Amino acid sequence: MGEGNDAAPASRSDERFEINDLVARYVEAVALFDVALYRAVWAADAVWVVDGRGSFHGPSDITALFVRLRERQEFAVQRIVSGRVEFGA
């Protein structure tokens, strides 16, 4: 999860909630160009691999790329194709 939440979820229901909340915060951050919220959704050891641009490590590098890409757009719209969360093999 992002940097602000290190507590382990207590159940699968809690895990689903945490995943759904993370997706919602990510979408909101992109749509509103909220840089602080965007940075907060990334874990300290996150790696974002972007075709043609390379790999970006950690919230600071990932957020810097986001800012460069997003500031060129007046607005952004995202569609979540599926909110389904499955666990196990």
N, C-alpha and C. Protein backbone atom coordinates (compact mmCIF):
# COMPACT_ATOMS: atom_id res chain seq x y z
N MET A 1 0.84 -1.17 0.00
CA MET A 1 0.00 0.00 0.00
C MET A 1 0.88 1.23 0.00
N GLY A 2 0.29 2.38 -0.06
CA GLY A 2 1.05 3.62 -0.04
C GLY A 2 1.78 3.82 1.26
N GLU A 3 2.56 4.86 1.33
CA GLU A 3 3.42 5.10 2.47
C GLU A 3 2.65 5.35 3.77
N GLY A 4 1.43 5.85 3.68
CA GLY A 4 0.71 6.24 4.86
C GLY A 4 0.01 5.12 5.61
N ASN A 5 0.06 3.87 5.13
CA ASN A 5 -0.70 2.81 5.76
C ASN A 5 0.14 1.55 5.84
N ASP A 6 0.78 1.33 7.00
CA ASP A 6 1.64 0.16 7.17
C ASP A 6 0.95 -0.98 7.90
N ALA A 7 -0.26 -0.75 8.42
CA ALA A 7 -0.96 -1.78 9.17
C ALA A 7 -1.49 -2.86 8.24
N ALA A 8 -1.36 -4.11 8.65
CA ALA A 8 -1.85 -5.22 7.84
C ALA A 8 -3.37 -5.34 7.99
N PRO A 9 -4.09 -5.54 6.88
CA PRO A 9 -5.54 -5.75 6.97
C PRO A 9 -5.85 -7.01 7.77
N ALA A 10 -6.99 -7.01 8.47
CA ALA A 10 -7.35 -8.11 9.35
C ALA A 10 -8.05 -9.24 8.61
N SER A 11 -8.65 -8.99 7.45
CA SER A 11 -9.40 -10.02 6.75
C SER A 11 -9.39 -9.75 5.25
N ARG A 12 -9.89 -10.72 4.49
CA ARG A 12 -10.01 -10.54 3.04
C ARG A 12 -10.90 -9.34 2.72
N SER A 13 -11.95 -9.17 3.50
CA SER A 13 -12.84 -8.03 3.31
C SER A 13 -12.07 -6.72 3.50
N ASP A 14 -11.24 -6.68 4.53
CA ASP A 14 -10.41 -5.50 4.76
C ASP A 14 -9.42 -5.30 3.61
N GLU A 15 -8.84 -6.39 3.12
CA GLU A 15 -7.91 -6.29 1.99
C GLU A 15 -8.60 -5.75 0.75
N ARG A 16 -9.82 -6.24 0.48
CA ARG A 16 -10.57 -5.73 -0.67
C ARG A 16 -10.84 -4.24 -0.52
N PHE A 17 -11.25 -3.85 0.68
CA PHE A 17 -11.49 -2.43 0.93
C PHE A 17 -10.23 -1.62 0.69
N GLU A 18 -9.09 -2.09 1.21
CA GLU A 18 -7.83 -1.37 1.04
C GLU A 18 -7.45 -1.23 -0.43
N ILE A 19 -7.64 -2.28 -1.20
CA ILE A 19 -7.33 -2.23 -2.63
C ILE A 19 -8.26 -1.26 -3.34
N ASN A 20 -9.55 -1.35 -3.07
CA ASN A 20 -10.51 -0.44 -3.69
C ASN A 20 -10.22 1.01 -3.31
N ASP A 21 -9.86 1.24 -2.06
CA ASP A 21 -9.53 2.59 -1.61
C ASP A 21 -8.28 3.11 -2.30
N LEU A 22 -7.28 2.25 -2.46
CA LEU A 22 -6.05 2.64 -3.15
C LEU A 22 -6.35 3.05 -4.59
N VAL A 23 -7.14 2.26 -5.29
CA VAL A 23 -7.51 2.57 -6.67
C VAL A 23 -8.27 3.90 -6.72
N ALA A 24 -9.20 4.09 -5.81
CA ALA A 24 -9.99 5.33 -5.79
C ALA A 24 -9.10 6.55 -5.54
N ARG A 25 -8.15 6.42 -4.62
CA ARG A 25 -7.24 7.54 -4.34
C ARG A 25 -6.34 7.82 -5.54
N TYR A 26 -5.87 6.78 -6.21
CA TYR A 26 -5.04 6.95 -7.40
C TYR A 26 -5.81 7.70 -8.49
N VAL A 27 -7.03 7.24 -8.78
CA VAL A 27 -7.85 7.86 -9.81
C VAL A 27 -8.13 9.32 -9.46
N GLU A 28 -8.46 9.58 -8.21
CA GLU A 28 -8.73 10.95 -7.77
C GLU A 28 -7.48 11.82 -7.93
N ALA A 29 -6.32 11.30 -7.56
CA ALA A 29 -5.08 12.06 -7.67
C ALA A 29 -4.77 12.43 -9.11
N VAL A 30 -4.98 11.49 -10.02
CA VAL A 30 -4.72 11.76 -11.44
C VAL A 30 -5.72 12.78 -11.97
N ALA A 31 -7.00 12.57 -11.68
CA ALA A 31 -8.05 13.46 -12.20
C ALA A 31 -7.88 14.89 -11.70
N LEU A 32 -7.55 15.04 -10.42
CA LEU A 32 -7.45 16.38 -9.83
C LEU A 32 -6.04 16.96 -9.90
N PHE A 33 -5.11 16.18 -10.44
CA PHE A 33 -3.69 16.56 -10.48
C PHE A 33 -3.23 16.94 -9.07
N ASP A 34 -3.55 16.06 -8.13
CA ASP A 34 -3.18 16.23 -6.73
C ASP A 34 -1.85 15.49 -6.50
N VAL A 35 -0.77 16.23 -6.56
CA VAL A 35 0.56 15.63 -6.51
C VAL A 35 0.83 14.94 -5.17
N ALA A 36 0.43 15.55 -4.07
CA ALA A 36 0.66 14.94 -2.76
C ALA A 36 -0.10 13.63 -2.62
N LEU A 37 -1.36 13.60 -3.06
CA LEU A 37 -2.14 12.37 -2.99
C LEU A 37 -1.55 11.31 -3.91
N TYR A 38 -1.12 11.71 -5.11
CA TYR A 38 -0.50 10.76 -6.04
C TYR A 38 0.72 10.12 -5.41
N ARG A 39 1.58 10.93 -4.82
CA ARG A 39 2.80 10.40 -4.20
C ARG A 39 2.46 9.43 -3.07
N ALA A 40 1.39 9.71 -2.34
CA ALA A 40 1.02 8.90 -1.18
C ALA A 40 0.52 7.50 -1.54
N VAL A 41 0.10 7.27 -2.78
CA VAL A 41 -0.41 5.93 -3.13
C VAL A 41 0.72 4.96 -3.46
N TRP A 42 1.94 5.44 -3.60
CA TRP A 42 3.06 4.58 -3.98
C TRP A 42 3.84 4.12 -2.75
N ALA A 43 4.15 2.84 -2.69
CA ALA A 43 4.98 2.28 -1.61
C ALA A 43 6.43 2.72 -1.80
N ALA A 44 7.18 2.71 -0.72
CA ALA A 44 8.58 3.14 -0.76
C ALA A 44 9.40 2.35 -1.76
N ASP A 45 9.08 1.06 -1.97
CA ASP A 45 9.86 0.22 -2.90
C ASP A 45 9.18 0.06 -4.26
N ALA A 46 8.23 0.93 -4.58
CA ALA A 46 7.51 0.84 -5.86
C ALA A 46 8.43 1.06 -7.05
N VAL A 47 8.10 0.36 -8.14
CA VAL A 47 8.79 0.55 -9.42
C VAL A 47 7.71 0.69 -10.48
N TRP A 48 7.78 1.77 -11.26
CA TRP A 48 6.85 2.00 -12.36
C TRP A 48 7.66 1.85 -13.65
N VAL A 49 7.35 0.84 -14.44
CA VAL A 49 8.03 0.60 -15.70
C VAL A 49 7.16 1.19 -16.80
N VAL A 50 7.71 2.17 -17.51
CA VAL A 50 6.96 2.90 -18.54
C VAL A 50 7.62 2.66 -19.88
N ASP A 51 6.88 2.04 -20.79
CA ASP A 51 7.42 1.77 -22.13
C ASP A 51 7.99 3.04 -22.75
N GLY A 52 9.21 2.93 -23.25
CA GLY A 52 9.85 4.05 -23.93
C GLY A 52 10.45 5.09 -23.01
N ARG A 53 10.22 4.96 -21.71
CA ARG A 53 10.75 5.96 -20.78
C ARG A 53 11.64 5.34 -19.70
N GLY A 54 11.55 4.03 -19.51
CA GLY A 54 12.39 3.36 -18.53
C GLY A 54 11.66 3.00 -17.25
N SER A 55 12.44 2.75 -16.21
CA SER A 55 11.91 2.37 -14.90
C SER A 55 12.12 3.50 -13.92
N PHE A 56 11.12 3.73 -13.10
CA PHE A 56 11.17 4.79 -12.11
C PHE A 56 10.96 4.17 -10.74
N HIS A 57 11.84 4.48 -9.80
CA HIS A 57 11.88 3.80 -8.51
C HIS A 57 11.51 4.75 -7.38
N GLY A 58 10.58 4.31 -6.55
CA GLY A 58 10.19 5.06 -5.37
C GLY A 58 9.23 6.19 -5.67
N PRO A 59 8.50 6.63 -4.65
CA PRO A 59 7.47 7.65 -4.82
C PRO A 59 7.98 8.97 -5.42
N SER A 60 9.17 9.39 -5.07
CA SER A 60 9.67 10.68 -5.58
C SER A 60 9.91 10.64 -7.08
N ASP A 61 10.62 9.62 -7.58
CA ASP A 61 10.87 9.52 -9.02
C ASP A 61 9.59 9.27 -9.80
N ILE A 62 8.73 8.43 -9.27
CA ILE A 62 7.46 8.13 -9.94
C ILE A 62 6.60 9.38 -10.02
N THR A 63 6.53 10.13 -8.93
CA THR A 63 5.72 11.34 -8.91
C THR A 63 6.30 12.41 -9.83
N ALA A 64 7.60 12.51 -9.90
CA ALA A 64 8.22 13.48 -10.81
C ALA A 64 7.82 13.19 -12.26
N LEU A 65 7.83 11.92 -12.64
CA LEU A 65 7.39 11.56 -14.00
C LEU A 65 5.91 11.88 -14.19
N PHE A 66 5.09 11.53 -13.21
CA PHE A 66 3.66 11.85 -13.27
C PHE A 66 3.45 13.34 -13.52
N VAL A 67 4.15 14.18 -12.79
CA VAL A 67 4.00 15.62 -12.94
C VAL A 67 4.38 16.05 -14.36
N ARG A 68 5.48 15.54 -14.88
CA ARG A 68 5.90 15.90 -16.24
C ARG A 68 4.85 15.48 -17.27
N LEU A 69 4.26 14.30 -17.09
CA LEU A 69 3.27 13.80 -18.05
C LEU A 69 1.92 14.51 -17.88
N ARG A 70 1.50 14.66 -16.65
CA ARG A 70 0.14 15.18 -16.38
C ARG A 70 0.04 16.68 -16.60
N GLU A 71 1.11 17.44 -16.38
CA GLU A 71 1.01 18.89 -16.51
C GLU A 71 0.78 19.33 -17.96
N ARG A 72 0.99 18.43 -18.90
CA ARG A 72 0.74 18.74 -20.31
C ARG A 72 -0.72 18.57 -20.69
N GLN A 73 -1.52 18.03 -19.79
CA GLN A 73 -2.93 17.75 -20.07
C GLN A 73 -3.82 18.68 -19.26
N GLU A 74 -4.86 19.19 -19.90
CA GLU A 74 -5.81 20.04 -19.19
C GLU A 74 -6.61 19.24 -18.18
N PHE A 75 -6.99 18.03 -18.56
CA PHE A 75 -7.73 17.14 -17.65
C PHE A 75 -7.42 15.70 -18.02
N ALA A 76 -7.75 14.81 -17.10
CA ALA A 76 -7.53 13.38 -17.33
C ALA A 76 -8.78 12.63 -16.88
N VAL A 77 -9.15 11.64 -17.66
CA VAL A 77 -10.30 10.79 -17.33
C VAL A 77 -9.81 9.35 -17.36
N GLN A 78 -10.19 8.59 -16.34
CA GLN A 78 -9.82 7.18 -16.28
C GLN A 78 -11.07 6.35 -16.12
N ARG A 79 -11.02 5.17 -16.65
CA ARG A 79 -12.13 4.22 -16.49
C ARG A 79 -11.57 2.97 -15.84
N ILE A 80 -12.19 2.57 -14.75
CA ILE A 80 -11.83 1.32 -14.10
C ILE A 80 -12.65 0.23 -14.78
N VAL A 81 -11.98 -0.66 -15.49
CA VAL A 81 -12.66 -1.68 -16.26
C VAL A 81 -13.28 -2.73 -15.35
N SER A 82 -12.58 -3.08 -14.28
CA SER A 82 -13.09 -4.08 -13.36
C SER A 82 -12.66 -3.74 -11.94
N GLY A 83 -13.58 -3.85 -11.02
CA GLY A 83 -13.24 -3.63 -9.62
C GLY A 83 -13.13 -4.95 -8.87
N ARG A 84 -13.06 -6.03 -9.60
CA ARG A 84 -13.03 -7.36 -8.99
C ARG A 84 -11.67 -7.65 -8.37
N VAL A 85 -11.68 -8.17 -7.16
CA VAL A 85 -10.45 -8.51 -6.45
C VAL A 85 -10.53 -9.99 -6.11
N GLU A 86 -9.52 -10.76 -6.56
CA GLU A 86 -9.47 -12.19 -6.26
C GLU A 86 -8.19 -12.50 -5.53
N PHE A 87 -8.26 -13.50 -4.63
CA PHE A 87 -7.09 -13.92 -3.87
C PHE A 87 -6.83 -15.40 -4.14
N GLY A 88 -5.59 -15.79 -4.01
CA GLY A 88 -5.23 -17.21 -4.14
C GLY A 88 -4.80 -17.55 -5.55
N ALA A 89 -4.45 -18.81 -5.70
CA ALA A 89 -3.94 -19.28 -7.00
C ALA A 89 -5.06 -19.67 -7.91
